[in-house]
Amino acid sequence: MDTVWGPFQEQLIENIRDIIDPAQIDIVAANHAETDHSGALPVVMRHAPKAKVIVSKRGLESVEGHYHQP
């Protein structure tokens, strides 16, 4: 899933909840770290604590660098 710009993070979580309990999410695919696409990644991961984040090699560099965590 591609997340959204940070100001819309709660709406994203509500939209996900309409379909599935976020805690049941197993995998989150992060396309890249630009905040219009990944700004809600931290909140998604808080609601999906068992999920694994999948990124490309370039994404690994940008996502970890942007959010200062693995």
Protein backbone atom coordinates (compact mmCIF):
# COMPACT_ATOMS: atom_id res chain seq x y z
CA MET A 1 0.00 0.00 0.00
CA ASP A 2 1.08 3.52 -0.64
CA THR A 3 0.24 5.70 2.36
CA VAL A 4 -0.82 9.34 2.23
CA TRP A 5 0.44 12.78 3.15
CA GLY A 6 0.63 13.09 6.95
CA PRO A 7 -2.35 15.44 7.44
CA PHE A 8 -4.62 12.71 6.04
CA GLN A 9 -3.26 9.86 8.16
CA GLU A 10 -6.31 9.48 10.39
CA GLN A 11 -8.62 9.38 7.37
CA LEU A 12 -6.40 6.65 5.89
CA ILE A 13 -6.64 4.58 9.08
CA GLU A 14 -10.44 5.02 9.10
CA ASN A 15 -10.59 3.91 5.45
CA ILE A 16 -8.49 0.85 6.23
CA ARG A 17 -10.71 0.02 9.22
CA ASP A 18 -13.73 0.05 6.89
CA ILE A 19 -12.13 -2.96 5.18
CA ILE A 20 -9.89 -4.70 7.72
CA ASP A 21 -8.56 -4.32 11.23
CA PRO A 22 -5.18 -2.62 10.67
CA ALA A 23 -3.60 -5.01 13.19
CA GLN A 24 -4.25 -7.81 10.67
CA ILE A 25 -2.05 -6.20 8.00
CA ASP A 26 0.96 -8.43 7.32
CA ILE A 27 2.88 -6.42 4.72
CA VAL A 28 3.19 -2.73 3.87
CA ALA A 29 4.92 -1.89 0.59
CA ALA A 30 6.49 1.57 0.65
CA ASN A 31 7.09 2.92 -2.85
CA HIS A 32 9.36 5.75 -1.76
CA ALA A 33 9.83 8.23 1.07
CA GLU A 34 8.36 11.41 -0.40
CA THR A 35 5.91 12.55 2.26
CA ASP A 36 2.96 12.81 -0.13
CA HIS A 37 3.25 9.03 -0.53
CA SER A 38 4.70 7.90 2.81
CA GLY A 39 3.75 10.55 5.33
CA ALA A 40 1.35 8.20 7.11
CA LEU A 41 3.78 5.28 7.19
CA PRO A 42 4.62 5.72 10.91
CA VAL A 43 0.94 5.78 11.94
CA VAL A 44 0.12 2.80 9.73
CA MET A 45 2.95 0.87 11.38
CA ARG A 46 1.69 1.81 14.85
CA HIS A 47 -1.71 0.36 13.92
CA ALA A 48 -0.16 -2.67 12.19
CA PRO A 49 2.64 -3.60 14.60
CA LYS A 50 3.20 -7.08 13.15
CA ALA A 51 3.48 -5.85 9.57
CA LYS A 52 6.73 -6.05 7.65
CA VAL A 53 7.68 -3.08 5.47
CA ILE A 54 8.83 -4.05 1.99
CA VAL A 55 10.85 -1.55 -0.05
CA SER A 56 13.17 -1.56 -3.04
CA LYS A 57 16.92 -1.14 -2.58
CA ARG A 58 16.56 2.59 -3.25
CA GLY A 59 13.51 2.71 -1.02
CA LEU A 60 15.51 1.19 1.82
CA GLU A 61 17.95 4.08 1.64
CA SER A 62 15.27 6.75 1.46
CA VAL A 63 12.67 5.37 3.88
CA GLU A 64 15.14 4.60 6.68
CA GLY A 65 16.88 7.93 6.14
CA HIS A 66 13.63 9.87 6.11
CA TYR A 67 12.09 8.27 9.20
CA HIS A 68 15.35 7.59 11.08
CA GLN A 69 14.38 4.03 11.91
CA PRO A 70 14.69 0.64 10.25
